[in-house]
Protein backbone atom coordinates (compact mmCIF):
# COMPACT_ATOMS: atom_id res chain seq x y z
CA MET A 1 -68.22 -30.16 20.99
CA VAL A 2 -69.65 -33.16 22.80
CA GLY A 3 -71.28 -32.20 26.10
CA ILE A 4 -72.40 -34.02 29.19
CA LYS A 5 -76.00 -33.97 27.93
CA ASP A 6 -74.96 -35.88 24.80
CA VAL A 7 -73.32 -38.57 26.93
CA ALA A 8 -76.36 -38.85 29.20
CA ARG A 9 -78.74 -39.12 26.23
CA ARG A 10 -76.69 -41.83 24.47
CA ALA A 11 -76.15 -43.82 27.68
CA GLY A 12 -79.77 -43.49 28.78
CA VAL A 13 -78.92 -42.03 32.16
CA SER A 14 -79.29 -38.68 33.90
CA ILE A 15 -76.79 -35.85 33.65
CA GLY A 16 -76.13 -36.30 37.38
CA THR A 17 -75.15 -39.93 36.81
CA VAL A 18 -72.64 -38.94 34.12
CA SER A 19 -71.25 -36.30 36.48
CA ASN A 20 -70.87 -38.92 39.19
CA VAL A 21 -69.08 -41.31 36.85
CA VAL A 22 -66.60 -38.58 35.96
CA ASN A 23 -66.13 -37.06 39.41
CA ARG A 24 -67.26 -39.68 41.96
CA PRO A 25 -67.23 -43.07 40.24
CA HIS A 26 -67.41 -44.98 43.53
CA VAL A 27 -71.08 -43.94 44.02
CA VAL A 28 -72.18 -45.47 40.68
CA SER A 29 -72.81 -49.18 40.09
CA ALA A 30 -70.20 -51.05 38.08
CA ALA A 31 -72.60 -51.81 35.23
CA THR A 32 -73.77 -48.20 34.86
CA ARG A 33 -70.23 -46.93 35.19
CA SER A 34 -69.08 -49.26 32.43
CA ARG A 35 -71.90 -48.20 30.10
CA VAL A 36 -71.27 -44.49 30.64
CA ASN A 37 -67.49 -44.84 30.20
CA SER A 38 -68.04 -46.69 26.92
CA VAL A 39 -70.18 -43.80 25.65
CA ILE A 40 -67.61 -41.27 26.85
CA GLU A 41 -64.92 -43.08 24.86
CA GLU A 42 -67.18 -43.48 21.82
CA LEU A 43 -68.16 -39.80 21.68
CA GLY A 44 -64.77 -38.42 22.75
CA TYR A 45 -66.28 -36.47 25.64
CA VAL A 46 -63.81 -34.31 27.63
CA ARG A 47 -64.82 -32.71 30.91
CA ASP A 48 -65.04 -28.89 30.80
CA GLU A 49 -62.55 -28.26 33.58
CA SER A 50 -62.73 -24.46 33.30
CA ALA A 51 -66.50 -24.49 33.83
CA ARG A 52 -66.15 -26.87 36.77
CA GLN A 53 -63.56 -24.62 38.38
CA LEU A 54 -65.72 -21.57 37.78
CA ARG A 55 -68.63 -23.21 39.57
CA ALA A 56 -66.35 -24.28 42.41
CA GLY A 57 -64.83 -20.81 42.63
CA SER A 58 -61.26 -22.15 42.69
CA SER A 59 -58.90 -22.47 39.72
CA ARG A 60 -56.24 -25.17 39.50
CA THR A 61 -54.06 -23.11 37.17
CA LEU A 62 -51.03 -21.03 38.09
CA ALA A 63 -49.38 -18.63 35.65
CA LEU A 64 -45.73 -17.70 35.21
CA LEU A 65 -45.03 -14.41 33.42
CA VAL A 66 -41.32 -14.01 32.65
CA LEU A 67 -39.12 -11.36 31.05
CA ASP A 68 -37.68 -13.44 28.22
CA LEU A 69 -38.29 -17.07 27.31
CA GLY A 70 -35.38 -16.82 24.88
CA ASN A 71 -33.10 -16.72 27.94
CA PRO A 72 -32.33 -20.25 29.25
CA PHE A 73 -32.28 -18.83 32.78
CA PHE A 74 -36.04 -18.29 32.64
CA VAL A 75 -36.57 -21.70 31.06
CA ASP A 76 -34.91 -23.21 34.14
CA VAL A 77 -37.04 -20.99 36.40
CA ALA A 78 -40.13 -22.28 34.59
CA ARG A 79 -38.96 -25.87 34.99
CA GLY A 80 -38.66 -25.48 38.76
CA ALA A 81 -42.02 -23.73 39.05
CA GLU A 82 -43.78 -26.35 36.92
CA GLU A 83 -42.34 -29.16 39.03
CA ALA A 84 -43.73 -27.61 42.23
CA ALA A 85 -47.12 -27.02 40.60
CA HIS A 86 -47.26 -30.61 39.34
CA ASP A 87 -46.45 -31.95 42.80
CA ALA A 88 -49.40 -29.94 44.15
CA GLY A 89 -51.78 -31.24 41.46
CA LEU A 90 -51.94 -27.86 39.73
CA ASN A 91 -51.43 -26.74 36.14
CA MET A 92 -48.91 -24.12 35.01
CA ILE A 93 -49.09 -21.82 32.01
CA THR A 94 -46.12 -19.68 30.95
CA CYS A 95 -46.25 -16.25 29.30
CA ASN A 96 -43.44 -14.12 27.88
CA SER A 97 -43.48 -10.33 28.31
CA ALA A 98 -40.37 -9.95 26.10
CA GLN A 99 -39.25 -7.13 28.45
CA ARG A 100 -42.18 -4.97 27.27
CA VAL A 101 -44.50 -3.22 29.73
CA ASP A 102 -47.41 -3.25 27.26
CA ARG A 103 -47.22 -7.04 26.86
CA GLU A 104 -46.91 -7.51 30.60
CA THR A 105 -50.02 -5.38 31.16
CA SER A 106 -51.94 -7.28 28.47
CA TYR A 107 -51.02 -10.68 29.90
CA LEU A 108 -51.94 -9.67 33.45
CA ALA A 109 -55.33 -8.43 32.25
CA MET A 110 -55.92 -11.73 30.44
CA LEU A 111 -54.87 -13.77 33.48
CA ALA A 112 -57.25 -11.73 35.67
CA GLU A 113 -60.08 -12.42 33.22
CA GLN A 114 -59.27 -16.13 33.32
CA ARG A 115 -59.31 -16.02 37.12
CA VAL A 116 -56.12 -18.02 37.51
CA ARG A 117 -55.24 -19.21 40.98
CA GLY A 118 -52.12 -17.03 41.21
CA VAL A 119 -49.30 -15.51 39.19
CA LEU A 120 -45.51 -15.79 39.38
CA LEU A 121 -44.18 -12.56 37.92
CA SER A 122 -40.78 -11.30 36.77
CA PRO A 123 -41.75 -7.64 36.37
CA VAL A 124 -40.54 -5.21 33.75
CA GLY A 125 -39.35 -1.99 35.38
CA THR A 126 -41.12 -1.01 38.56
CA ALA A 127 -44.23 -3.03 37.58
CA ASP A 128 -46.44 -0.30 39.09
CA GLU A 129 -48.04 0.51 35.75
CA SER A 130 -48.93 -3.05 34.78
CA LEU A 131 -49.84 -4.19 38.31
CA ALA A 132 -52.18 -1.29 39.09
CA GLY A 133 -55.20 -2.93 37.48
CA PHE A 134 -54.20 -6.49 38.32
CA ARG A 135 -54.07 -5.79 42.05
CA ARG A 136 -57.80 -4.99 41.97
CA SER A 137 -58.51 -8.55 40.83
CA GLY A 138 -57.43 -9.87 44.23
CA ILE A 139 -55.42 -12.67 42.61
CA PRO A 140 -52.24 -13.44 44.62
CA TYR A 141 -48.86 -12.96 42.96
CA VAL A 142 -45.23 -13.61 43.80
CA PHE A 143 -42.26 -11.71 42.39
CA VAL A 144 -39.63 -13.94 40.75
CA ASP A 145 -36.04 -12.75 40.32
CA ARG A 146 -37.06 -9.47 41.94
CA LYS A 147 -37.33 -8.32 45.54
CA ALA A 148 -40.71 -7.03 46.69
CA THR A 149 -40.85 -3.76 48.59
CA GLY A 150 -43.14 -2.88 51.46
CA GLY A 151 -44.33 -6.45 52.00
CA GLU A 152 -46.89 -6.24 49.17
CA CYS A 153 -46.26 -9.86 48.16
CA CYS A 154 -43.82 -12.73 48.49
CA SER A 155 -40.65 -12.60 46.42
CA VAL A 156 -37.77 -14.88 45.48
CA SER A 157 -34.58 -13.36 44.18
CA VAL A 158 -30.79 -13.46 44.20
CA ASP A 159 -28.45 -10.92 45.80
CA ASP A 160 -27.39 -9.29 42.53
CA VAL A 161 -25.23 -6.67 44.24
CA LEU A 162 -23.19 -9.50 45.72
CA GLY A 163 -23.12 -11.23 42.33
CA GLY A 164 -21.71 -8.15 40.64
CA ALA A 165 -19.15 -7.77 43.41
CA LEU A 166 -18.05 -11.40 43.05
CA ALA A 167 -17.34 -10.83 39.37
CA GLY A 168 -15.53 -7.55 40.00
CA ARG A 169 -13.36 -8.94 42.81
CA HIS A 170 -12.41 -11.94 40.69
CA LEU A 171 -11.23 -9.72 37.84
CA THR A 172 -9.28 -7.33 40.06
CA ALA A 173 -7.66 -10.32 41.79
CA GLN A 174 -6.57 -11.50 38.33
CA GLY A 175 -4.74 -8.20 37.89
CA HIS A 176 -7.16 -6.45 35.55
CA THR A 177 -7.29 -2.65 35.89
CA ARG A 178 -9.35 -1.75 32.80
CA ILE A 179 -12.71 -3.48 33.00
CA ALA A 180 -15.81 -3.08 30.83
CA PHE A 181 -19.32 -3.86 32.08
CA VAL A 182 -21.88 -4.74 29.40
CA ASN A 183 -25.20 -3.88 31.01
CA GLY A 184 -28.79 -4.48 29.95
CA PRO A 185 -31.68 -1.99 29.94
CA ALA A 186 -31.51 0.34 32.96
CA VAL A 187 -35.22 -0.27 33.57
CA LEU A 188 -34.33 -3.73 34.89
CA VAL A 189 -33.46 -3.65 38.59
CA GLN A 190 -31.30 -6.75 38.23
CA CYS A 191 -29.02 -4.94 35.78
CA ARG A 192 -28.71 -1.88 37.97
CA GLU A 193 -27.82 -3.98 41.01
CA ARG A 194 -25.18 -5.98 39.12
CA GLU A 195 -23.58 -2.72 38.06
CA GLU A 196 -23.73 -1.49 41.66
CA GLY A 197 -21.95 -4.65 42.74
CA VAL A 198 -19.06 -4.41 40.28
CA ARG A 199 -18.62 -0.72 41.12
CA LYS A 200 -18.48 -1.66 44.80
CA ALA A 201 -15.75 -4.22 44.08
CA LEU A 202 -13.67 -1.75 42.09
CA ALA A 203 -14.03 0.88 44.81
CA GLU A 204 -12.32 -1.58 47.16
CA ALA A 205 -9.28 -1.57 44.85
CA PRO A 206 -8.43 2.02 43.81
CA GLY A 207 -6.81 2.61 40.45
CA HIS A 208 -9.25 0.58 38.38
CA GLU A 209 -11.23 1.93 35.44
CA LEU A 210 -14.78 0.81 34.58
CA SER A 211 -16.35 1.40 31.18
CA VAL A 212 -20.12 0.79 31.11
CA LEU A 213 -21.81 -0.12 27.83
CA GLU A 214 -25.61 -0.34 27.95
CA VAL A 215 -27.43 -2.49 25.40
CA ALA A 216 -31.12 -2.63 24.51
CA ALA A 217 -31.63 -6.36 25.07
CA LEU A 218 -30.06 -9.18 27.04
CA ASP A 219 -29.30 -11.43 24.07
CA VAL A 220 -26.38 -12.76 22.03
CA ALA A 221 -26.80 -10.24 19.21
CA SER A 222 -26.54 -7.34 21.65
CA GLY A 223 -23.45 -8.98 23.12
CA ARG A 224 -21.80 -9.13 19.69
CA ASP A 225 -22.56 -5.45 19.16
CA ALA A 226 -21.10 -4.61 22.57
CA GLY A 227 -18.01 -6.68 21.73
CA ALA A 228 -17.47 -4.63 18.57
CA ARG A 229 -17.73 -1.44 20.60
CA ILE A 230 -15.23 -2.73 23.15
CA LEU A 231 -12.76 -3.50 20.35
CA GLY A 232 -12.90 0.19 19.44
CA ILE A 233 -12.03 1.47 22.93
CA SER A 234 -8.46 2.73 23.33
CA PRO A 235 -6.79 1.59 25.45
CA ARG A 236 -8.91 -1.54 25.25
CA PRO A 237 -10.25 -3.12 28.47
CA THR A 238 -8.51 -6.33 29.43
CA ALA A 239 -11.64 -7.80 31.03
CA VAL A 240 -15.37 -7.73 30.34
CA PHE A 241 -18.17 -8.50 32.81
CA CYS A 242 -21.60 -8.99 31.26
CA ALA A 243 -25.02 -8.67 32.88
CA ASN A 244 -25.96 -12.16 31.66
CA ASP A 245 -24.44 -15.14 29.88
CA LEU A 246 -26.13 -14.47 26.53
CA LEU A 247 -24.37 -11.10 26.37
CA ALA A 248 -21.11 -12.77 27.39
CA LEU A 249 -21.47 -15.36 24.63
CA GLY A 250 -21.98 -12.55 22.12
CA VAL A 251 -18.91 -10.70 23.37
CA LEU A 252 -16.94 -13.95 23.13
CA GLN A 253 -18.05 -14.40 19.51
CA ALA A 254 -16.96 -10.85 18.65
CA MET A 255 -13.54 -11.37 20.22
CA VAL A 256 -12.91 -14.70 18.50
CA ALA A 257 -14.01 -13.27 15.14
CA ALA A 258 -11.54 -10.37 15.59
CA GLY A 259 -8.66 -12.68 16.49
CA VAL A 260 -8.59 -11.49 20.10
CA ARG A 261 -7.55 -14.28 22.45
CA VAL A 262 -9.74 -15.16 25.44
CA PRO A 263 -8.56 -14.99 28.19
CA GLU A 264 -4.98 -14.04 27.22
CA ASP A 265 -5.99 -10.69 25.68
CA VAL A 266 -9.48 -10.21 27.16
CA ALA A 267 -11.08 -12.08 30.05
CA ILE A 268 -14.87 -12.50 30.07
CA VAL A 269 -17.33 -13.12 32.91
CA GLY A 270 -21.03 -13.81 32.46
CA TYR A 271 -23.99 -14.04 34.80
CA ASP A 272 -26.61 -16.81 35.38
CA ASP A 273 -24.41 -19.83 34.54
CA ILE A 274 -26.78 -21.24 31.93
CA GLU A 275 -25.89 -24.61 30.39
CA PHE A 276 -24.35 -22.95 27.32
CA ALA A 277 -21.81 -21.12 29.50
CA SER A 278 -19.83 -24.29 30.20
CA ALA A 279 -20.30 -25.54 26.62
CA ALA A 280 -18.93 -22.43 24.89
CA ALA A 281 -15.83 -22.61 22.67
CA VAL A 282 -14.03 -21.00 25.60
CA PRO A 283 -16.00 -22.12 28.69
CA LEU A 284 -17.29 -19.03 30.46
CA THR A 285 -16.64 -17.97 34.01
CA SER A 286 -20.08 -17.01 35.31
CA VAL A 287 -21.99 -15.94 38.40
CA ARG A 288 -24.38 -18.81 39.07
CA GLN A 289 -28.00 -18.30 40.04
CA PRO A 290 -30.04 -21.31 41.24
CA ALA A 291 -32.70 -20.78 38.56
CA ALA A 292 -34.75 -23.93 39.09
CA ARG A 293 -34.74 -23.43 42.87
CA ILE A 294 -35.92 -19.84 42.37
CA GLY A 295 -38.89 -21.05 40.33
CA GLU A 296 -39.70 -23.92 42.66
CA THR A 297 -39.49 -21.77 45.80
CA ALA A 298 -41.66 -19.04 44.29
CA ALA A 299 -44.29 -21.56 43.20
CA ARG A 300 -44.41 -23.17 46.64
CA LEU A 301 -44.90 -19.76 48.28
CA LEU A 302 -47.76 -19.03 45.89
CA ILE A 303 -49.33 -22.44 46.47
CA GLU A 304 -49.11 -21.88 50.22
CA GLU A 305 -50.72 -18.45 49.88
CA THR A 306 -53.62 -19.82 47.83
CA SER A 307 -54.26 -22.79 50.09
CA ASP A 308 -57.07 -22.72 52.62
CA ASP A 309 -55.22 -25.13 54.90
CA VAL A 310 -52.04 -23.15 55.61
CA ALA A 311 -51.55 -19.86 57.43
CA HIS A 312 -49.51 -17.59 55.18
CA GLU A 313 -47.32 -14.55 55.73
CA HIS A 314 -45.51 -12.76 52.92
CA ARG A 315 -41.81 -13.59 52.84
CA SER A 316 -38.81 -12.44 50.84
CA VAL A 317 -36.38 -15.23 49.97
CA VAL A 318 -32.95 -14.11 48.75
CA PHE A 319 -30.44 -16.66 47.47
CA SER A 320 -26.70 -16.02 47.40
CA PRO A 321 -24.98 -16.29 44.01
CA GLU A 322 -21.81 -18.30 43.40
CA LEU A 323 -18.86 -17.54 41.13
CA VAL A 324 -17.97 -20.46 38.84
CA VAL A 325 -14.48 -20.00 37.38
CA ARG A 326 -13.75 -21.46 33.94
CA ASP A 327 -11.29 -20.94 31.09
CA SER A 328 -12.47 -17.48 30.04
CA THR A 329 -10.64 -15.92 33.03
CA ARG A 330 -8.10 -18.52 34.08
CA VAL A 331 -4.92 -16.83 32.82
CA PRO A 332 -3.72 -14.19 35.32
CA ARG A 333 -2.54 -10.84 34.01
CA ARG A 334 1.15 -9.99 34.39
């Protein structure tokens, strides 16, 4: 690797002069600056930014650790966070815990070793296990898609109880009395709150039955498996609410493959309103979360917290979800 000493030796100047050309070119004469830049280009010298930041004691890198990069919702969260970081002149790296506590713990330990500026975190479970060691690093963090408790940090989330209730009320208003809820792992707070919301909606309209099917992962394959299980329930539910859109797309695939009409025989509601929801063979009704805004807002809170120029107090930002009605629930039950 070409170092600053190599550039100085080839250009016939001091190391300090090369440093000035790279970091403060205005203090170097035009002729010297031109000579040094020519050598930099010739040798392919690249400034060691990590070493510079270590000496300065301030990193320009934020990290985003999400539950599942296979879920387009988190891709949109990352897009919003990266945009805010870019606007602030900071870098963003993204890590995927794959809903595993051990991977989350490993990534947080690595990020602490790298002394990143701050971390945006969508925790697995309670996060107490993985955060225990990370908290000792003193690196700020913000919860994403999860409410913080006790004011330990900033957080940006969506009212998932309301989101579940919106889906449940929509289905009961359509005349459905037998409803299935395809839920993700119980360790995820978001899933538990969405179930709480749909139960709340059904409690407002007595005489409704709710069948809960828990799956191991929030993906299309798990949705197909859940769809097969729903087909075996007797009497079969006339509506299915899923904890996210990937599950809903899997359920939709299972129904279509079995010759079950959507929404005439079974209505389906998803959650997140990812791009694929509207592009499905039967466009999905879904509870929309402002994913990019969640990421952007969380990143701006973290940037504020890590800035020396702004007074910061921990805040909890909660967005309200929105029900987007499409063809998968449009036909009312008789």
